[in-house]
Amino acid sequence: VVSENIDRLRFTFGVQMLQETTDKGDRNPSSVNLLIQFQRSGIWNTEFDITINGKITTQYLASVVADNLPPRPFSVRMVRVTPDSTTDRLQNKTLWSSYTEIIDIRQGYPGTAVAGLLVDAEQFGSQQVTRNYHLRGRIFQVPSNYDPDTRTYTGLWDGTLKPAYTNNPAWCTMDILTHPRYGLGRRIGVADVDKWALYAIAQYCDQQVPDGFGGTEPRMTLNAYMTSQR
């Protein structure tokens, strides 16, 4: 490693398989120990002492990130502590997948919601980590007397708007018509849209109707992902 601009290093490694077969044919979990070392002042120092354990039948990759980097240049190596298997009954072949040099810069994601998650792989054993997000969606301009959670309108509307989440099709439509980035906002404005007509349409959409299961639901909602031009 020679560049002074590098802030962090990511090492990705893993096993092809990890299991031990007994004389009776049972497949049991196994483990393998690895070290990631930096050479500081000519001496190899262990930065990460890693143990992968479990019963793994397909390729499994893990990664670690090193923040405390020594002065450049320096050398990096991975050492396998666990002896290599000498029998087909023990499957514990390790692999070095990738080495990534990370330079921290300020990233901007205008108009985008970005989520990041850092988890300890040891909490999940040999399972691959999956993520699911429940997203509500965009914040729209809605009438100032409107409560999107209860779908109710209080008193008379004076024509002013406020930002809030809603899946009412009428206010979603107004956003698409007036937004300058993905809608028609560069050609028309709020003044060009009949918001009073949309107000009546929105109230119709918010009326509660039977849901077929003994409860009620709004007459109409709009829940959609638009990822391409339409």
Protein backbone atom coordinates (compact mmCIF):
# COMPACT_ATOMS: atom_id res chain seq x y z
CA VAL A 1 0.00 0.00 0.00
CA VAL A 2 1.65 3.23 -1.15
CA SER A 3 -0.98 5.97 -1.60
CA GLU A 4 -1.22 8.63 1.11
CA ASN A 5 -4.81 9.38 0.05
CA ILE A 6 -6.20 6.07 1.30
CA ASP A 7 -8.33 6.43 4.45
CA ARG A 8 -9.39 2.82 4.96
CA LEU A 9 -8.92 -0.66 3.56
CA ARG A 10 -11.55 -3.34 3.09
CA PHE A 11 -10.54 -7.00 2.93
CA THR A 12 -13.00 -9.58 1.63
CA PHE A 13 -12.30 -13.25 2.19
CA GLY A 14 -14.12 -16.46 3.00
CA VAL A 15 -14.44 -20.19 2.57
CA GLN A 16 -15.54 -22.39 -0.31
CA MET A 17 -17.14 -24.85 2.13
CA LEU A 18 -16.87 -25.44 5.85
CA GLN A 19 -17.90 -28.80 7.25
CA GLU A 20 -16.48 -32.02 8.65
CA THR A 21 -17.89 -35.44 7.81
CA THR A 22 -17.76 -38.18 10.45
CA ASP A 23 -17.23 -41.91 9.90
CA LYS A 24 -21.01 -42.33 10.02
CA GLY A 25 -21.53 -39.74 7.30
CA ASP A 26 -22.79 -36.97 9.58
CA ARG A 27 -21.82 -33.47 8.50
CA ASN A 28 -20.79 -31.28 11.41
CA PRO A 29 -19.78 -27.63 11.70
CA SER A 30 -16.12 -26.71 11.55
CA SER A 31 -14.02 -23.57 11.91
CA VAL A 32 -11.02 -21.86 10.38
CA ASN A 33 -8.81 -19.14 11.86
CA LEU A 34 -7.27 -16.32 9.79
CA LEU A 35 -5.08 -13.32 10.59
CA ILE A 36 -4.78 -10.04 8.70
CA GLN A 37 -1.44 -8.41 9.39
CA PHE A 38 0.23 -5.08 8.61
CA GLN A 39 3.97 -4.63 8.49
CA ARG A 40 4.89 -1.73 10.79
CA SER A 41 8.57 -0.78 11.07
CA GLY A 42 9.55 -4.10 9.55
CA ILE A 43 7.49 -6.12 12.05
CA TRP A 44 4.29 -7.96 11.16
CA ASN A 45 1.47 -6.99 13.53
CA THR A 46 -1.93 -8.66 13.66
CA GLU A 47 -4.77 -6.22 12.96
CA PHE A 48 -7.60 -8.75 12.77
CA ASP A 49 -7.90 -12.21 14.31
CA ILE A 50 -10.81 -13.81 12.47
CA THR A 51 -12.57 -17.11 13.04
CA ILE A 52 -15.19 -18.36 10.61
CA ASN A 53 -17.26 -21.16 12.08
CA GLY A 54 -20.39 -23.08 11.25
CA LYS A 55 -21.59 -25.56 8.67
CA ILE A 56 -21.36 -23.90 5.28
CA THR A 57 -22.16 -25.76 2.06
CA THR A 58 -21.65 -22.92 -0.44
CA GLN A 59 -19.14 -20.13 -0.84
CA TYR A 60 -19.31 -17.71 2.07
CA LEU A 61 -17.61 -14.30 2.05
CA ALA A 62 -16.96 -11.90 4.92
CA SER A 63 -15.18 -8.57 5.09
CA VAL A 64 -13.44 -6.31 7.58
CA VAL A 65 -12.45 -2.66 7.31
CA ALA A 66 -9.16 -1.32 8.67
CA ASP A 67 -9.20 2.34 9.76
CA ASN A 68 -5.96 2.75 11.69
CA LEU A 69 -3.50 2.55 8.82
CA PRO A 70 0.26 2.87 9.34
CA PRO A 71 2.41 5.40 7.45
CA ARG A 72 2.81 4.59 3.77
CA PRO A 73 4.23 2.53 2.24
CA PHE A 74 3.42 -0.64 4.13
CA SER A 75 2.63 -4.27 3.33
CA VAL A 76 -0.45 -6.36 4.06
CA ARG A 77 -0.85 -10.10 4.27
CA MET A 78 -3.40 -12.69 5.32
CA VAL A 79 -2.20 -15.70 7.30
CA ARG A 80 -4.12 -18.92 7.69
CA VAL A 81 -3.59 -20.26 11.21
CA THR A 82 -5.69 -23.40 10.87
CA PRO A 83 -3.70 -26.18 9.16
CA ASP A 84 -4.78 -27.13 5.65
CA SER A 85 -7.07 -30.12 5.42
CA THR A 86 -5.40 -33.38 4.45
CA THR A 87 -8.60 -35.36 3.99
CA ASP A 88 -11.79 -35.05 1.96
CA ARG A 89 -13.77 -35.36 5.16
CA LEU A 90 -12.74 -31.88 6.26
CA GLN A 91 -13.76 -29.13 3.83
CA ASN A 92 -12.26 -25.82 5.00
CA LYS A 93 -10.56 -24.27 1.99
CA THR A 94 -10.20 -20.50 2.40
CA LEU A 95 -10.06 -17.82 -0.28
CA TRP A 96 -8.98 -14.21 -0.66
CA SER A 97 -11.69 -12.45 -2.63
CA SER A 98 -10.75 -8.78 -2.84
CA TYR A 99 -8.81 -5.85 -1.41
CA THR A 100 -10.36 -2.38 -1.65
CA GLU A 101 -8.72 0.99 -1.07
CA ILE A 102 -11.26 3.47 0.31
CA ILE A 103 -10.92 7.24 0.03
CA ASP A 104 -13.51 9.15 2.05
CA ILE A 105 -15.22 11.93 0.12
CA ARG A 106 -18.46 13.80 0.60
CA GLN A 107 -21.16 12.22 -1.51
CA GLY A 108 -24.36 13.96 -2.48
CA TYR A 109 -27.53 12.06 -3.35
CA PRO A 110 -30.09 14.76 -4.15
CA GLY A 111 -33.65 13.56 -4.16
CA THR A 112 -32.62 10.13 -2.91
CA ALA A 113 -33.08 8.25 0.36
CA VAL A 114 -29.90 6.34 1.23
CA ALA A 115 -29.75 3.58 3.85
CA GLY A 116 -26.63 1.93 5.23
CA LEU A 117 -26.33 -0.93 7.67
CA LEU A 118 -23.29 -2.40 9.44
CA VAL A 119 -23.79 -5.73 11.20
CA ASP A 120 -21.56 -8.26 12.92
CA ALA A 121 -21.53 -11.42 10.80
CA GLU A 122 -20.96 -13.52 13.92
CA GLN A 123 -24.54 -12.76 15.00
CA PHE A 124 -25.85 -14.64 11.96
CA GLY A 125 -23.51 -17.63 11.91
CA SER A 126 -23.25 -19.15 8.45
CA GLN A 127 -26.37 -17.40 7.13
CA GLN A 128 -26.17 -14.63 4.56
CA VAL A 129 -27.54 -11.34 5.86
CA THR A 130 -30.62 -10.03 4.03
CA ARG A 131 -32.33 -6.68 4.45
CA ASN A 132 -35.92 -5.54 3.98
CA TYR A 133 -37.18 -1.99 4.27
CA HIS A 134 -40.76 -0.79 4.71
CA LEU A 135 -40.87 2.49 2.82
CA ARG A 136 -43.63 5.05 3.00
CA GLY A 137 -42.54 7.18 0.08
CA ARG A 138 -42.30 10.82 -0.89
CA ILE A 139 -43.41 13.86 1.05
CA PHE A 140 -46.03 15.75 -0.95
CA GLN A 141 -47.78 19.10 -0.66
CA VAL A 142 -51.22 18.55 0.88
CA PRO A 143 -53.94 20.91 2.14
CA SER A 144 -53.09 22.65 5.41
CA ASN A 145 -56.33 21.39 7.01
CA TYR A 146 -55.68 17.75 6.03
CA ASP A 147 -54.54 15.00 8.42
CA PRO A 148 -53.02 12.25 6.22
CA ASP A 149 -52.94 9.73 9.08
CA THR A 150 -56.68 9.90 9.77
CA ARG A 151 -57.59 11.05 6.23
CA THR A 152 -59.77 13.82 7.63
CA TYR A 153 -60.20 17.49 6.70
CA THR A 154 -60.80 20.06 9.43
CA GLY A 155 -62.96 23.10 8.74
CA LEU A 156 -62.73 25.10 5.54
CA TRP A 157 -59.59 25.02 3.43
CA ASP A 158 -57.93 28.38 2.78
CA GLY A 159 -55.95 27.07 -0.19
CA THR A 160 -52.57 26.82 1.54
CA LEU A 161 -50.46 23.68 1.47
CA LYS A 162 -48.10 21.87 3.85
CA PRO A 163 -45.58 19.03 3.39
CA ALA A 164 -46.71 15.57 4.53
CA TYR A 165 -46.68 11.94 3.48
CA THR A 166 -49.82 10.73 1.74
CA ASN A 167 -50.86 8.04 -0.72
CA ASN A 168 -54.00 9.89 -1.73
CA PRO A 169 -54.02 9.73 -5.57
CA ALA A 170 -55.16 13.34 -5.94
CA TRP A 171 -52.19 14.84 -4.09
CA CYS A 172 -49.82 12.38 -5.74
CA THR A 173 -51.11 13.61 -9.08
CA MET A 174 -50.54 17.24 -8.16
CA ASP A 175 -46.95 16.41 -7.21
CA ILE A 176 -46.33 14.71 -10.54
CA LEU A 177 -47.83 17.67 -12.38
CA THR A 178 -45.85 20.35 -10.54
CA HIS A 179 -42.51 18.80 -9.55
CA PRO A 180 -39.65 20.32 -11.59
CA ARG A 181 -37.37 17.26 -11.52
CA TYR A 182 -39.55 14.32 -12.55
CA GLY A 183 -42.86 16.00 -13.35
CA LEU A 184 -44.13 18.91 -15.42
CA GLY A 185 -42.98 21.58 -12.96
CA ARG A 186 -40.72 23.27 -15.51
CA ARG A 187 -43.75 23.95 -17.70
CA ILE A 188 -46.57 24.47 -15.23
CA GLY A 189 -46.86 25.56 -11.61
CA VAL A 190 -49.30 25.07 -8.76
CA ALA A 191 -51.31 28.03 -10.04
CA ASP A 192 -51.94 26.14 -13.29
CA VAL A 193 -53.50 23.18 -11.46
CA ASP A 194 -57.11 23.28 -10.26
CA LYS A 195 -56.33 22.40 -6.65
CA TRP A 196 -59.95 22.98 -5.65
CA ALA A 197 -61.08 20.23 -8.00
CA LEU A 198 -58.31 17.99 -6.66
CA TYR A 199 -59.52 18.78 -3.14
CA ALA A 200 -62.95 17.36 -3.96
CA ILE A 201 -61.40 14.34 -5.70
CA ALA A 202 -59.11 13.75 -2.70
CA GLN A 203 -62.06 13.71 -0.31
CA TYR A 204 -63.79 11.16 -2.51
CA CYS A 205 -60.65 8.98 -2.52
CA ASP A 206 -60.39 9.18 1.28
CA GLN A 207 -63.93 7.98 1.93
CA GLN A 208 -63.94 4.71 3.85
CA VAL A 209 -65.49 1.71 2.08
CA PRO A 210 -65.79 -1.98 3.08
CA ASP A 211 -62.55 -3.92 2.55
CA GLY A 212 -64.27 -7.30 2.16
CA PHE A 213 -62.90 -8.61 5.46
CA GLY A 214 -65.25 -6.90 7.87
CA GLY A 215 -63.30 -3.65 8.07
CA THR A 216 -62.91 -0.51 6.01
CA GLU A 217 -60.27 1.03 3.80
CA PRO A 218 -59.88 4.22 1.72
CA ARG A 219 -61.75 4.15 -1.54
CA MET A 220 -58.56 4.76 -3.55
CA THR A 221 -54.83 4.90 -2.77
CA LEU A 222 -51.68 5.13 -4.84
CA ASN A 223 -48.63 3.12 -3.77
CA ALA A 224 -46.14 2.81 -6.61
CA TYR A 225 -42.48 2.90 -7.55
CA MET A 226 -41.76 4.80 -10.74
CA THR A 227 -38.26 3.85 -11.87
CA SER A 228 -38.53 4.62 -15.58
CA GLN A 229 -39.95 7.35 -17.77
CA ARG A 230 -43.68 7.01 -18.46
